[in-house]
PDB file of N, CA and C in Angstrom:
ATOM      1  N   MET A   1      -7.419  45.064  24.157  1.00  0.00           N
ATOM      2  CA  MET A   1      -7.854  43.699  24.338  1.00  0.00           C
ATOM      3  C   MET A   1      -8.256  43.061  23.005  1.00  0.00           C
ATOM      4  N   LYS A   2      -8.567  43.893  22.015  1.00  0.00           N
ATOM      5  CA  LYS A   2      -9.007  43.379  20.727  1.00  0.00           C
ATOM      6  C   LYS A   2      -7.897  42.586  20.044  1.00  0.00           C
ATOM      7  N   LYS A   3      -6.648  43.061  20.155  1.00  0.00           N
ATOM      8  CA  LYS A   3      -5.535  42.344  19.544  1.00  0.00           C
ATOM      9  C   LYS A   3      -5.393  40.948  20.143  1.00  0.00           C
ATOM     10  N   CYS A   4      -5.587  40.824  21.410  1.00  0.00           N
ATOM     11  CA  CYS A   4      -5.502  39.528  22.084  1.00  0.00           C
ATOM     12  C   CYS A   4      -6.592  38.592  21.565  1.00  0.00           C
ATOM     13  N   ASP A   5      -7.800  39.110  21.377  1.00  0.00           N
ATOM     14  CA  ASP A   5      -8.899  38.309  20.841  1.00  0.00           C
ATOM     15  C   ASP A   5      -8.609  37.854  19.415  1.00  0.00           C
ATOM     16  N   GLU A   6      -8.015  38.742  18.605  1.00  0.00           N
ATOM     17  CA  GLU A   6      -7.669  38.384  17.233  1.00  0.00           C
ATOM     18  C   GLU A   6      -6.603  37.296  17.207  1.00  0.00           C
ATOM     19  N   ARG A   7      -5.611  37.438  18.060  1.00  0.00           N
ATOM     20  CA  ARG A   7      -4.559  36.420  18.133  1.00  0.00           C
ATOM     21  C   ARG A   7      -5.133  35.087  18.585  1.00  0.00           C
ATOM     22  N   PHE A   8      -6.039  35.130  19.555  1.00  0.00           N
ATOM     23  CA  PHE A   8      -6.678  33.914  20.042  1.00  0.00           C
ATOM     24  C   PHE A   8      -7.462  33.244  18.919  1.00  0.00           C
ATOM     25  N   MET A   9      -8.187  34.034  18.124  1.00  0.00           N
ATOM     26  CA  MET A   9      -8.957  33.482  16.996  1.00  0.00           C
ATOM     27  C   MET A   9      -8.013  32.907  15.942  1.00  0.00           C
ATOM     28  N   ASP A  10      -6.906  33.573  15.696  1.00  0.00           N
ATOM     29  CA  ASP A  10      -5.912  33.066  14.738  1.00  0.00           C
ATOM     30  C   ASP A  10      -5.344  31.721  15.200  1.00  0.00           C
ATOM     31  N   ILE A  11      -5.067  31.651  16.490  1.00  0.00           N
ATOM     32  CA  ILE A  11      -4.545  30.399  17.049  1.00  0.00           C
ATOM     33  C   ILE A  11      -5.592  29.298  16.942  1.00  0.00           C
ATOM     34  N   GLU A  12      -6.836  29.611  17.247  1.00  0.00           N
ATOM     35  CA  GLU A  12      -7.908  28.617  17.137  1.00  0.00           C
ATOM     36  C   GLU A  12      -8.061  28.136  15.692  1.00  0.00           C
ATOM     37  N   MET A  13      -7.982  29.069  14.726  1.00  0.00           N
ATOM     38  CA  MET A  13      -8.090  28.679  13.317  1.00  0.00           C
ATOM     39  C   MET A  13      -6.917  27.791  12.905  1.00  0.00           C
ATOM     40  N   ALA A  14      -5.722  28.155  13.350  1.00  0.00           N
ATOM     41  CA  ALA A  14      -4.542  27.357  13.024  1.00  0.00           C
ATOM     42  C   ALA A  14      -4.674  25.958  13.637  1.00  0.00           C
ATOM     43  N   LEU A  15      -5.135  25.891  14.866  1.00  0.00           N
ATOM     44  CA  LEU A  15      -5.331  24.602  15.535  1.00  0.00           C
ATOM     45  C   LEU A  15      -6.373  23.766  14.798  1.00  0.00           C
ATOM     46  N   SER A  16      -7.445  24.397  14.378  1.00  0.00           N
ATOM     47  CA  SER A  16      -8.490  23.702  13.634  1.00  0.00           C
ATOM     48  C   SER A  16      -7.936  23.133  12.323  1.00  0.00           C
ATOM     49  N   ASN A  17      -7.131  23.933  11.633  1.00  0.00           N
ATOM     50  CA  ASN A  17      -6.518  23.467  10.383  1.00  0.00           C
ATOM     51  C   ASN A  17      -5.571  22.297  10.638  1.00  0.00           C
ATOM     52  N   LEU A  18      -4.801  22.375  11.714  1.00  0.00           N
ATOM     53  CA  LEU A  18      -3.890  21.282  12.049  1.00  0.00           C
ATOM     54  C   LEU A  18      -4.652  20.011  12.404  1.00  0.00           C
ATOM     55  N   GLU A  19      -5.748  20.144  13.139  1.00  0.00           N
ATOM     56  CA  GLU A  19      -6.562  18.974  13.484  1.00  0.00           C
ATOM     57  C   GLU A  19      -7.123  18.317  12.223  1.00  0.00           C
ATOM     58  N   ARG A  20      -7.592  19.134  11.271  1.00  0.00           N
ATOM     59  CA  ARG A  20      -8.112  18.594  10.015  1.00  0.00           C
ATOM     60  C   ARG A  20      -6.995  17.892   9.232  1.00  0.00           C
ATOM     61  N   MET A  21      -5.815  18.500   9.235  1.00  0.00           N
ATOM     62  CA  MET A  21      -4.684  17.912   8.531  1.00  0.00           C
ATOM     63  C   MET A  21      -4.297  16.566   9.151  1.00  0.00           C
ATOM     64  N   VAL A  22      -4.291  16.500  10.478  1.00  0.00           N
ATOM     65  CA  VAL A  22      -3.969  15.249  11.169  1.00  0.00           C
ATOM     66  C   VAL A  22      -5.013  14.180  10.823  1.00  0.00           C
ATOM     67  N   ASP A  23      -6.277  14.548  10.797  1.00  0.00           N
ATOM     68  CA  ASP A  23      -7.332  13.597  10.425  1.00  0.00           C
ATOM     69  C   ASP A  23      -7.145  13.108   8.995  1.00  0.00           C
ATOM     70  N   ASP A  24      -6.818  14.032   8.086  1.00  0.00           N
ATOM     71  CA  ASP A  24      -6.590  13.648   6.685  1.00  0.00           C
ATOM     72  C   ASP A  24      -5.393  12.708   6.562  1.00  0.00           C
ATOM     73  N   LEU A  25      -4.316  13.012   7.273  1.00  0.00           N
ATOM     74  CA  LEU A  25      -3.131  12.158   7.238  1.00  0.00           C
ATOM     75  C   LEU A  25      -3.427  10.787   7.846  1.00  0.00           C
ATOM     76  N   ASN A  26      -4.210  10.763   8.903  1.00  0.00           N
ATOM     77  CA  ASN A  26      -4.583   9.496   9.518  1.00  0.00           C
ATOM     78  C   ASN A  26      -5.381   8.636   8.535  1.00  0.00           C
ATOM     79  N   ASP A  27      -6.331   9.261   7.825  1.00  0.00           N
ATOM     80  CA  ASP A  27      -7.103   8.527   6.822  1.00  0.00           C
ATOM     81  C   ASP A  27      -6.188   7.965   5.729  1.00  0.00           C
ATOM     82  N   MET A  28      -5.209   8.770   5.322  1.00  0.00           N
ATOM     83  CA  MET A  28      -4.282   8.324   4.286  1.00  0.00           C
ATOM     84  C   MET A  28      -3.440   7.143   4.776  1.00  0.00           C
ATOM     85  N   ILE A  29      -3.001   7.210   6.017  1.00  0.00           N
ATOM     86  CA  ILE A  29      -2.200   6.123   6.590  1.00  0.00           C
ATOM     87  C   ILE A  29      -3.025   4.843   6.663  1.00  0.00           C
ATOM     88  N   ILE A  30      -4.285   4.953   7.040  1.00  0.00           N
ATOM     89  CA  ILE A  30      -5.158   3.779   7.109  1.00  0.00           C
ATOM     90  C   ILE A  30      -5.322   3.161   5.719  1.00  0.00           C
ATOM     91  N   ARG A  31      -5.563   4.013   4.699  1.00  0.00           N
ATOM     92  CA  ARG A  31      -5.694   3.513   3.320  1.00  0.00           C
ATOM     93  C   ARG A  31      -4.406   2.852   2.861  1.00  0.00           C
ATOM     94  N   GLN A  32      -3.272   3.465   3.156  1.00  0.00           N
ATOM     95  CA  GLN A  32      -1.992   2.896   2.747  1.00  0.00           C
ATOM     96  C   GLN A  32      -1.722   1.572   3.461  1.00  0.00           C
ATOM     97  N   GLY A  33      -2.129   1.478   4.715  1.00  0.00           N
ATOM     98  CA  GLY A  33      -1.982   0.214   5.438  1.00  0.00           C
ATOM     99  C   GLY A  33      -2.781  -0.891   4.778  1.00  0.00           C
ATOM    100  N   LYS A  34      -3.996  -0.572   4.351  1.00  0.00           N
ATOM    101  CA  LYS A  34      -4.823  -1.563   3.648  1.00  0.00           C
ATOM    102  C   LYS A  34      -4.194  -1.933   2.315  1.00  0.00           C
ATOM    103  N   ASP A  35      -3.663  -0.932   1.603  1.00  0.00           N
ATOM    104  CA  ASP A  35      -2.999  -1.201   0.324  1.00  0.00           C
ATOM    105  C   ASP A  35      -1.780  -2.098   0.527  1.00  0.00           C
ATOM    106  N   ILE A  36      -0.994  -1.817   1.561  1.00  0.00           N
ATOM    107  CA  ILE A  36       0.194  -2.621   1.844  1.00  0.00           C
ATOM    108  C   ILE A  36      -0.203  -4.052   2.180  1.00  0.00           C
ATOM    109  N   ALA A  37      -1.244  -4.228   2.982  1.00  0.00           N
ATOM    110  CA  ALA A  37      -1.701  -5.580   3.332  1.00  0.00           C
ATOM    111  C   ALA A  37      -2.135  -6.329   2.076  1.00  0.00           C
ATOM    112  N   PHE A  38      -2.866  -5.655   1.182  1.00  0.00           N
ATOM    113  CA  PHE A  38      -3.289  -6.280  -0.069  1.00  0.00           C
ATOM    114  C   PHE A  38      -2.082  -6.668  -0.917  1.00  0.00           C
ATOM    115  N   LEU A  39      -1.119  -5.775  -1.039  1.00  0.00           N
ATOM    116  CA  LEU A  39       0.062  -6.044  -1.856  1.00  0.00           C
ATOM    117  C   LEU A  39       0.907  -7.166  -1.260  1.00  0.00           C
ATOM    118  N   GLN A  40       0.968  -7.247   0.062  1.00  0.00           N
ATOM    119  CA  GLN A  40       1.701  -8.345   0.692  1.00  0.00           C
ATOM    120  C   GLN A  40       1.039  -9.684   0.385  1.00  0.00           C
ATOM    121  N   LYS A  41      -0.296  -9.722   0.453  1.00  0.00           N
ATOM    122  CA  LYS A  41      -1.011 -10.964   0.120  1.00  0.00           C
ATOM    123  C   LYS A  41      -0.797 -11.333  -1.345  1.00  0.00           C
ATOM    124  N   GLN A  42      -0.880 -10.327  -2.210  1.00  0.00           N
ATOM    125  CA  GLN A  42      -0.690 -10.572  -3.639  1.00  0.00           C
ATOM    126  C   GLN A  42       0.743 -11.053  -3.908  1.00  0.00           C
ATOM    127  N   ASN A  43       1.708 -10.439  -3.258  1.00  0.00           N
ATOM    128  CA  ASN A  43       3.101 -10.845  -3.419  1.00  0.00           C
ATOM    129  C   ASN A  43       3.301 -12.288  -2.951  1.00  0.00           C
ATOM    130  N   HIS A  44       2.714 -12.631  -1.837  1.00  0.00           N
ATOM    131  CA  HIS A  44       2.818 -14.003  -1.323  1.00  0.00           C
ATOM    132  C   HIS A  44       2.189 -14.982  -2.322  1.00  0.00           C
ATOM    133  N   PHE A  45       1.011 -14.650  -2.835  1.00  0.00           N
ATOM    134  CA  PHE A  45       0.333 -15.507  -3.806  1.00  0.00           C
ATOM    135  C   PHE A  45       1.188 -15.688  -5.058  1.00  0.00           C
ATOM    136  N   LEU A  46       1.733 -14.593  -5.583  1.00  0.00           N
ATOM    137  CA  LEU A  46       2.543 -14.669  -6.800  1.00  0.00           C
ATOM    138  C   LEU A  46       3.849 -15.422  -6.566  1.00  0.00           C
ATOM    139  N   THR A  47       4.434 -15.239  -5.384  1.00  0.00           N
ATOM    140  CA  THR A  47       5.658 -15.970  -5.050  1.00  0.00           C
ATOM    141  C   THR A  47       5.391 -17.471  -5.003  1.00  0.00           C
ATOM    142  N   GLU A  48       4.279 -17.846  -4.381  1.00  0.00           N
ATOM    143  CA  GLU A  48       3.915 -19.267  -4.325  1.00  0.00           C
ATOM    144  C   GLU A  48       3.618 -19.812  -5.722  1.00  0.00           C
ATOM    145  N   ALA A  49       2.912 -19.034  -6.539  1.00  0.00           N
ATOM    146  CA  ALA A  49       2.603 -19.472  -7.900  1.00  0.00           C
ATOM    147  C   ALA A  49       3.889 -19.666  -8.698  1.00  0.00           C
ATOM    148  N   LEU A  50       4.832 -18.765  -8.550  1.00  0.00           N
ATOM    149  CA  LEU A  50       6.108 -18.882  -9.250  1.00  0.00           C
ATOM    150  C   LEU A  50       6.888 -20.088  -8.750  1.00  0.00           C
ATOM    151  N   ARG A  51       6.897 -20.287  -7.448  1.00  0.00           N
ATOM    152  CA  ARG A  51       7.603 -21.441  -6.882  1.00  0.00           C
ATOM    153  C   ARG A  51       6.983 -22.740  -7.401  1.00  0.00           C
ATOM    154  N   ASN A  52       5.661 -22.815  -7.462  1.00  0.00           N
ATOM    155  CA  ASN A  52       4.995 -24.013  -7.969  1.00  0.00           C
ATOM    156  C   ASN A  52       5.254 -24.198  -9.460  1.00  0.00           C
ATOM    157  N   ALA A  53       5.310 -23.114 -10.210  1.00  0.00           N
ATOM    158  CA  ALA A  53       5.568 -23.204 -11.644  1.00  0.00           C
ATOM    159  C   ALA A  53       6.985 -23.698 -11.899  1.00  0.00           C
ATOM    160  N   GLN A  54       7.928 -23.276 -11.089  1.00  0.00           N
ATOM    161  CA  GLN A  54       9.316 -23.699 -11.273  1.00  0.00           C
ATOM    162  C   GLN A  54       9.491 -25.179 -10.964  1.00  0.00           C
ATOM    163  N   THR A  55       8.745 -25.690 -10.016  1.00  0.00           N
ATOM    164  CA  THR A  55       8.884 -27.108  -9.677  1.00  0.00           C
ATOM    165  C   THR A  55       8.176 -27.996 -10.691  1.00  0.00           C
ATOM    166  N   SER A  56       7.263 -27.439 -11.471  1.00  0.00           N
ATOM    167  CA  SER A  56       6.545 -28.260 -12.434  1.00  0.00           C
ATOM    168  C   SER A  56       7.192 -28.244 -13.818  1.00  0.00           C
ATOM    169  N   VAL A  57       8.241 -27.456 -14.007  1.00  0.00           N
ATOM    170  CA  VAL A  57       8.940 -27.413 -15.295  1.00  0.00           C
ATOM    171  C   VAL A  57       9.965 -28.531 -15.324  1.00  0.00           C
ATOM    172  N   LYS A  58       9.905 -29.341 -16.379  1.00  0.00           N
ATOM    173  CA  LYS A  58      10.842 -30.459 -16.526  1.00  0.00           C
ATOM    174  C   LYS A  58      12.143 -29.950 -17.128  1.00  0.00           C
ATOM    175  N   PRO A  59      13.240 -30.638 -16.827  1.00  0.00           N
ATOM    176  CA  PRO A  59      14.480 -30.297 -17.512  1.00  0.00           C
ATOM    177  C   PRO A  59      14.322 -30.529 -19.023  1.00  0.00           C
ATOM    178  N   GLU A  60      15.123 -29.858 -19.822  1.00  0.00           N
ATOM    179  CA  GLU A  60      14.970 -29.911 -21.281  1.00  0.00           C
ATOM    180  C   GLU A  60      15.104 -31.337 -21.826  1.00  0.00           C
ATOM    181  N   GLU A  61      16.004 -32.119 -21.253  1.00  0.00           N
ATOM    182  CA  GLU A  61      16.193 -33.490 -21.761  1.00  0.00           C
ATOM    183  C   GLU A  61      15.002 -34.400 -21.461  1.00  0.00           C
ATOM    184  N   GLU A  62      14.170 -34.027 -20.487  1.00  0.00           N
ATOM    185  CA  GLU A  62      12.986 -34.827 -20.169  1.00  0.00           C
ATOM    186  C   GLU A  62      11.756 -34.393 -20.956  1.00  0.00           C
ATOM    187  N   GLU A  63      11.818 -33.256 -21.590  1.00  0.00           N
ATOM    188  CA  GLU A  63      10.675 -32.753 -22.360  1.00  0.00           C
ATOM    189  C   GLU A  63      10.514 -33.570 -23.641  1.00  0.00           C
ATOM    190  N   THR A  64       9.288 -33.872 -23.973  1.00  0.00           N
ATOM    191  CA  THR A  64       9.035 -34.527 -25.248  1.00  0.00           C
ATOM    192  C   THR A  64       9.028 -33.479 -26.348  1.00  0.00           C
ATOM    193  N   PRO A  65       9.634 -33.786 -27.495  1.00  0.00           N
ATOM    194  CA  PRO A  65       9.665 -32.778 -28.555  1.00  0.00           C
ATOM    195  C   PRO A  65       8.272 -32.519 -29.103  1.00  0.00           C
ATOM    196  N   PRO A  66       8.044 -31.343 -29.625  1.00  0.00           N
ATOM    197  CA  PRO A  66       6.744 -31.033 -30.194  1.00  0.00           C
ATOM    198  C   PRO A  66       6.486 -31.895 -31.427  1.00  0.00           C
ATOM    199  N   PRO A  67       5.234 -32.053 -31.840  1.00  0.00           N
ATOM    200  CA  PRO A  67       4.886 -32.983 -32.936  1.00  0.00           C
ATOM    201  C   PRO A  67       5.530 -32.633 -34.267  1.00  0.00           C
ATOM    202  N   HIS A  68       5.924 -31.432 -34.517  1.00  0.00           N
ATOM    203  CA  HIS A  68       6.466 -31.069 -35.825  1.00  0.00           C
ATOM    204  C   HIS A  68       7.932 -31.469 -36.002  1.00  0.00           C
ATOM    205  N   TYR A  69       8.548 -32.130 -35.029  1.00  0.00           N
ATOM    206  CA  TYR A  69       9.942 -32.583 -35.164  1.00  0.00           C
ATOM    207  C   TYR A  69       9.998 -33.920 -35.822  1.00  0.00           C
TER     208      TYR A  69
END
């Protein structure tokens, strides 16, 4: 019966390790989700800033020359 008890303890230890691993992976997924949300907001902000910058640039013929010309 001792072998059965040892196997049962081994299984319990393996299960415990798997549960800890699942918890660690879940924490990592949550952090990555937050990182992705932040990067999406930043990307949207930068895209809008670039779009606004492109609309505010005048064509070369409309630009006034610098004072040293």
